[in-house]
């Protein structure tokens, strides 16, 4: 069964709050989701997604 995409309309502040919340979860579980959110948001506001922080993901 294929999963459908869901389109949400959130402000940048709301997106940052969501990212802050999932940032408290283990990196290994959320890194792909964080990247997907950042890529989609950046495309909509015309910016390049930020590069991963050095050493990111070495905790989990």
PDB file of N, CA and C in Angstrom:
ATOM      1  N   UNK A   1       0.840  -1.184   0.000  1.00  0.00           N
ATOM      2  CA  UNK A   1       0.000   0.000   0.000  1.00  0.00           C
ATOM      3  C   UNK A   1       0.885   1.248   0.000  1.00  0.00           C
ATOM      4  N   UNK A   2       0.748   2.064  -1.014  1.00  0.00           N
ATOM      5  CA  UNK A   2       1.553   3.286  -1.111  1.00  0.00           C
ATOM      6  C   UNK A   2       1.028   4.347  -0.156  1.00  0.00           C
ATOM      7  N   UNK A   3       1.959   5.077   0.419  1.00  0.00           N
ATOM      8  CA  UNK A   3       1.566   6.165   1.310  1.00  0.00           C
ATOM      9  C   UNK A   3       1.359   7.427   0.503  1.00  0.00           C
ATOM     10  N   UNK A   4       0.299   8.152   0.817  1.00  0.00           N
ATOM     11  CA  UNK A   4       0.028   9.421   0.156  1.00  0.00           C
ATOM     12  C   UNK A   4       0.765  10.539   0.870  1.00  0.00           C
ATOM     13  N   UNK A   5       1.147  11.560   0.103  1.00  0.00           N
ATOM     14  CA  UNK A   5       1.736  12.754   0.708  1.00  0.00           C
ATOM     15  C   UNK A   5       0.625  13.600   1.310  1.00  0.00           C
ATOM     16  N   UNK A   6       0.938  14.279   2.383  1.00  0.00           N
ATOM     17  CA  UNK A   6       0.031  15.226   3.018  1.00  0.00           C
ATOM     18  C   UNK A   6       0.688  16.588   2.931  1.00  0.00           C
ATOM     19  N   UNK A   7      -0.053  17.581   2.487  1.00  0.00           N
ATOM     20  CA  UNK A   7       0.472  18.937   2.371  1.00  0.00           C
ATOM     21  C   UNK A   7       0.008  19.734   3.583  1.00  0.00           C
ATOM     22  N   UNK A   8       0.962  20.277   4.320  1.00  0.00           N
ATOM     23  CA  UNK A   8       0.666  21.120   5.478  1.00  0.00           C
ATOM     24  C   UNK A   8       1.091  22.539   5.167  1.00  0.00           C
ATOM     25  N   UNK A   9       0.348  23.500   5.632  1.00  0.00           N
ATOM     26  CA  UNK A   9       0.741  24.903   5.481  1.00  0.00           C
ATOM     27  C   UNK A   9       1.081  25.414   6.873  1.00  0.00           C
ATOM     28  N   UNK A  10       2.366  25.665   7.092  1.00  0.00           N
ATOM     29  CA  UNK A  10       2.861  26.144   8.375  1.00  0.00           C
ATOM     30  C   UNK A  10       3.752  27.349   8.140  1.00  0.00           C
ATOM     31  N   UNK A  11       3.816  28.227   9.134  1.00  0.00           N
ATOM     32  CA  UNK A  11       4.719  29.370   9.046  1.00  0.00           C
ATOM     33  C   UNK A  11       6.141  28.887   9.313  1.00  0.00           C
ATOM     34  N   UNK A  12       7.139  29.667   8.906  1.00  0.00           N
ATOM     35  CA  UNK A  12       8.517  29.288   9.243  1.00  0.00           C
ATOM     36  C   UNK A  12       8.707  29.091  10.751  1.00  0.00           C
ATOM     37  N   UNK A  13       8.066  29.905  11.564  1.00  0.00           N
ATOM     38  CA  UNK A  13       8.187  29.749  13.019  1.00  0.00           C
ATOM     39  C   UNK A  13       7.606  28.413  13.471  1.00  0.00           C
ATOM     40  N   UNK A  14       6.498  28.007  12.874  1.00  0.00           N
ATOM     41  CA  UNK A  14       5.892  26.722  13.228  1.00  0.00           C
ATOM     42  C   UNK A  14       6.775  25.561  12.777  1.00  0.00           C
ATOM     43  N   UNK A  15       7.359  25.680  11.592  1.00  0.00           N
ATOM     44  CA  UNK A  15       8.283  24.643  11.112  1.00  0.00           C
ATOM     45  C   UNK A  15       9.475  24.527  12.055  1.00  0.00           C
ATOM     46  N   UNK A  16      10.013  25.667  12.468  1.00  0.00           N
ATOM     47  CA  UNK A  16      11.146  25.645  13.400  1.00  0.00           C
ATOM     48  C   UNK A  16      10.762  24.996  14.717  1.00  0.00           C
ATOM     49  N   UNK A  17       9.538  25.209  15.178  1.00  0.00           N
ATOM     50  CA  UNK A  17       9.077  24.581  16.412  1.00  0.00           C
ATOM     51  C   UNK A  17       8.981  23.063  16.244  1.00  0.00           C
ATOM     52  N   UNK A  18       8.467  22.624  15.109  1.00  0.00           N
ATOM     53  CA  UNK A  18       8.404  21.187  14.825  1.00  0.00           C
ATOM     54  C   UNK A  18       9.811  20.597  14.797  1.00  0.00           C
ATOM     55  N   UNK A  19      10.734  21.273  14.106  1.00  0.00           N
ATOM     56  CA  UNK A  19      12.116  20.791  14.040  1.00  0.00           C
ATOM     57  C   UNK A  19      12.766  20.769  15.416  1.00  0.00           C
ATOM     58  N   UNK A  20      12.457  21.767  16.232  1.00  0.00           N
ATOM     59  CA  UNK A  20      12.997  21.791  17.595  1.00  0.00           C
ATOM     60  C   UNK A  20      12.490  20.594  18.390  1.00  0.00           C
ATOM     61  N   UNK A  21      11.213  20.293  18.234  1.00  0.00           N
ATOM     62  CA  UNK A  21      10.628  19.160  18.951  1.00  0.00           C
ATOM     63  C   UNK A  21      11.222  17.833  18.528  1.00  0.00           C
ATOM     64  N   UNK A  22      11.321  17.607  17.210  1.00  0.00           N
ATOM     65  CA  UNK A  22      11.878  16.323  16.776  1.00  0.00           C
ATOM     66  C   UNK A  22      13.388  16.284  16.953  1.00  0.00           C
ATOM     67  N   UNK A  23      13.986  17.446  17.160  1.00  0.00           N
ATOM     68  CA  UNK A  23      15.419  17.495  17.437  1.00  0.00           C
ATOM     69  C   UNK A  23      15.782  16.857  18.765  1.00  0.00           C
ATOM     70  N   UNK A  24      14.783  16.668  19.626  1.00  0.00           N
ATOM     71  CA  UNK A  24      15.014  16.021  20.914  1.00  0.00           C
ATOM     72  C   UNK A  24      14.982  14.496  20.807  1.00  0.00           C
ATOM     73  N   UNK A  25      14.614  13.992  19.645  1.00  0.00           N
ATOM     74  CA  UNK A  25      14.591  12.547  19.418  1.00  0.00           C
ATOM     75  C   UNK A  25      15.963  12.081  18.936  1.00  0.00           C
ATOM     76  N   UNK A  26      16.240  10.778  19.011  1.00  0.00           N
ATOM     77  CA  UNK A  26      17.527  10.273  18.520  1.00  0.00           C
ATOM     78  C   UNK A  26      17.729  10.614  17.043  1.00  0.00           C
ATOM     79  N   UNK A  27      18.890  11.149  16.723  1.00  0.00           N
ATOM     80  CA  UNK A  27      19.206  11.607  15.365  1.00  0.00           C
ATOM     81  C   UNK A  27      18.966  10.517  14.329  1.00  0.00           C
ATOM     82  N   UNK A  28      19.331   9.294  14.643  1.00  0.00           N
ATOM     83  CA  UNK A  28      19.205   8.189  13.696  1.00  0.00           C
ATOM     84  C   UNK A  28      17.756   7.979  13.265  1.00  0.00           C
ATOM     85  N   UNK A  29      16.809   8.345  14.130  1.00  0.00           N
ATOM     86  CA  UNK A  29      15.393   8.177  13.808  1.00  0.00           C
ATOM     87  C   UNK A  29      14.835   9.325  12.980  1.00  0.00           C
ATOM     88  N   UNK A  30      15.419  10.515  13.100  1.00  0.00           N
ATOM     89  CA  UNK A  30      14.784  11.694  12.502  1.00  0.00           C
ATOM     90  C   UNK A  30      15.606  12.402  11.433  1.00  0.00           C
ATOM     91  N   UNK A  31      16.846  11.977  11.197  1.00  0.00           N
ATOM     92  CA  UNK A  31      17.696  12.751  10.284  1.00  0.00           C
ATOM     93  C   UNK A  31      17.098  12.865   8.887  1.00  0.00           C
ATOM     94  N   UNK A  32      16.503  11.803   8.374  1.00  0.00           N
ATOM     95  CA  UNK A  32      15.926  11.855   7.028  1.00  0.00           C
ATOM     96  C   UNK A  32      14.723  12.794   6.988  1.00  0.00           C
ATOM     97  N   UNK A  33      13.902  12.751   8.023  1.00  0.00           N
ATOM     98  CA  UNK A  33      12.739  13.632   8.096  1.00  0.00           C
ATOM     99  C   UNK A  33      13.165  15.089   8.203  1.00  0.00           C
ATOM    100  N   UNK A  34      14.156  15.368   9.032  1.00  0.00           N
ATOM    101  CA  UNK A  34      14.667  16.737   9.168  1.00  0.00           C
ATOM    102  C   UNK A  34      15.189  17.229   7.822  1.00  0.00           C
ATOM    103  N   UNK A  35      15.939  16.404   7.131  1.00  0.00           N
ATOM    104  CA  UNK A  35      16.460  16.782   5.825  1.00  0.00           C
ATOM    105  C   UNK A  35      15.357  17.052   4.818  1.00  0.00           C
ATOM    106  N   UNK A  36      14.318  16.232   4.846  1.00  0.00           N
ATOM    107  CA  UNK A  36      13.195  16.404   3.927  1.00  0.00           C
ATOM    108  C   UNK A  36      12.452  17.707   4.215  1.00  0.00           C
ATOM    109  N   UNK A  37      12.218  17.994   5.479  1.00  0.00           N
ATOM    110  CA  UNK A  37      11.547  19.245   5.863  1.00  0.00           C
ATOM    111  C   UNK A  37      12.387  20.438   5.435  1.00  0.00           C
ATOM    112  N   UNK A  38      13.682  20.387   5.728  1.00  0.00           N
ATOM    113  CA  UNK A  38      14.556  21.512   5.383  1.00  0.00           C
ATOM    114  C   UNK A  38      14.636  21.716   3.875  1.00  0.00           C
ATOM    115  N   UNK A  39      14.712  20.638   3.109  1.00  0.00           N
ATOM    116  CA  UNK A  39      14.805  20.757   1.656  1.00  0.00           C
ATOM    117  C   UNK A  39      13.534  21.360   1.066  1.00  0.00           C
ATOM    118  N   UNK A  40      12.384  20.894   1.537  1.00  0.00           N
ATOM    119  CA  UNK A  40      11.125  21.413   1.014  1.00  0.00           C
ATOM    120  C   UNK A  40      10.912  22.865   1.416  1.00  0.00           C
ATOM    121  N   UNK A  41      11.233  23.190   2.653  1.00  0.00           N
ATOM    122  CA  UNK A  41      11.068  24.571   3.117  1.00  0.00           C
ATOM    123  C   UNK A  41      12.018  25.501   2.369  1.00  0.00           C
ATOM    124  N   UNK A  42      13.255  25.070   2.203  1.00  0.00           N
ATOM    125  CA  UNK A  42      14.239  25.894   1.503  1.00  0.00           C
ATOM    126  C   UNK A  42      13.834  26.143   0.056  1.00  0.00           C
ATOM    127  N   UNK A  43      13.282  25.128  -0.590  1.00  0.00           N
ATOM    128  CA  UNK A  43      12.846  25.283  -1.978  1.00  0.00           C
ATOM    129  C   UNK A  43      11.725  26.312  -2.089  1.00  0.00           C
ATOM    130  N   UNK A  44      10.870  26.357  -1.086  1.00  0.00           N
ATOM    131  CA  UNK A  44       9.743  27.282  -1.126  1.00  0.00           C
ATOM    132  C   UNK A  44      10.145  28.712  -0.815  1.00  0.00           C
ATOM    133  N   UNK A  45      11.196  28.884  -0.029  1.00  0.00           N
ATOM    134  CA  UNK A  45      11.625  30.247   0.286  1.00  0.00           C
ATOM    135  C   UNK A  45      12.863  30.638  -0.508  1.00  0.00           C
ATOM    136  N   UNK A  46      13.279  29.776  -1.440  1.00  0.00           N
ATOM    137  CA  UNK A  46      14.364  30.104  -2.359  1.00  0.00           C
ATOM    138  C   UNK A  46      15.737  30.126  -1.748  1.00  0.00           C
ATOM    139  N   UNK A  47      16.006  29.227  -0.816  1.00  0.00           N
ATOM    140  CA  UNK A  47      17.321  29.146  -0.185  1.00  0.00           C
ATOM    141  C   UNK A  47      17.862  27.738  -0.343  1.00  0.00           C
ATOM    142  N   UNK A  48      19.185  27.637  -0.268  1.00  0.00           N
ATOM    143  CA  UNK A  48      19.826  26.327  -0.250  1.00  0.00           C
ATOM    144  C   UNK A  48      19.658  25.729   1.144  1.00  0.00           C
ATOM    145  N   UNK A  49      19.407  24.413   1.246  1.00  0.00           N
ATOM    146  CA  UNK A  49      19.333  23.804   2.573  1.00  0.00           C
ATOM    147  C   UNK A  49      20.675  23.907   3.285  1.00  0.00           C
ATOM    148  N   UNK A  50      20.658  24.067   4.607  1.00  0.00           N
ATOM    149  CA  UNK A  50      21.917  24.174   5.341  1.00  0.00           C
ATOM    150  C   UNK A  50      22.698  22.870   5.302  1.00  0.00           C
ATOM    151  N   UNK A  51      24.008  22.991   5.323  1.00  0.00           N
ATOM    152  CA  UNK A  51      24.870  21.812   5.372  1.00  0.00           C
ATOM    153  C   UNK A  51      24.776  21.195   6.761  1.00  0.00           C
ATOM    154  N   UNK A  52      24.884  19.868   6.863  1.00  0.00           N
ATOM    155  CA  UNK A  52      24.852  19.236   8.186  1.00  0.00           C
ATOM    156  C   UNK A  52      25.990  19.746   9.061  1.00  0.00           C
ATOM    157  N   UNK A  53      25.720  19.855  10.337  1.00  0.00           N
ATOM    158  CA  UNK A  53      26.739  20.303  11.280  1.00  0.00           C
ATOM    159  C   UNK A  53      27.835  19.247  11.383  1.00  0.00           C
ATOM    160  N   UNK A  54      29.088  19.671  11.542  1.00  0.00           N
ATOM    161  CA  UNK A  54      30.173  18.695  11.708  1.00  0.00           C
ATOM    162  C   UNK A  54      29.902  17.798  12.908  1.00  0.00           C
ATOM    163  N   UNK A  55      30.033  16.501  12.711  1.00  0.00           N
ATOM    164  CA  UNK A  55      29.834  15.554  13.800  1.00  0.00           C
ATOM    165  C   UNK A  55      28.380  15.234  14.070  1.00  0.00           C
ATOM    166  N   UNK A  56      27.463  15.761  13.279  1.00  0.00           N
ATOM    167  CA  UNK A  56      26.040  15.501  13.501  1.00  0.00           C
ATOM    168  C   UNK A  56      25.763  14.015  13.344  1.00  0.00           C
ATOM    169  N   UNK A  57      24.969  13.486  14.253  1.00  0.00           N
ATOM    170  CA  UNK A  57      24.573  12.095  14.178  1.00  0.00           C
ATOM    171  C   UNK A  57      25.505  11.129  14.862  1.00  0.00           C
ATOM    172  N   UNK A  58      26.543  11.606  15.490  1.00  0.00           N
ATOM    173  CA  UNK A  58      27.473  10.705  16.142  1.00  0.00           C
ATOM    174  C   UNK A  58      27.040  10.348  17.552  1.00  0.00           C
ATOM    175  N   UNK A  59      25.934  10.975  18.046  1.00  0.00           N
ATOM    176  CA  UNK A  59      25.449  10.687  19.392  1.00  0.00           C
ATOM    177  C   UNK A  59      24.578   9.437  19.423  1.00  0.00           C
ATOM    178  N   UNK A  60      23.785   9.208  18.358  1.00  0.00           N
ATOM    179  CA  UNK A  60      22.757   8.191  18.376  1.00  0.00           C
ATOM    180  C   UNK A  60      23.139   6.974  17.711  1.00  0.00           C
TER     181      UNK A  60
END
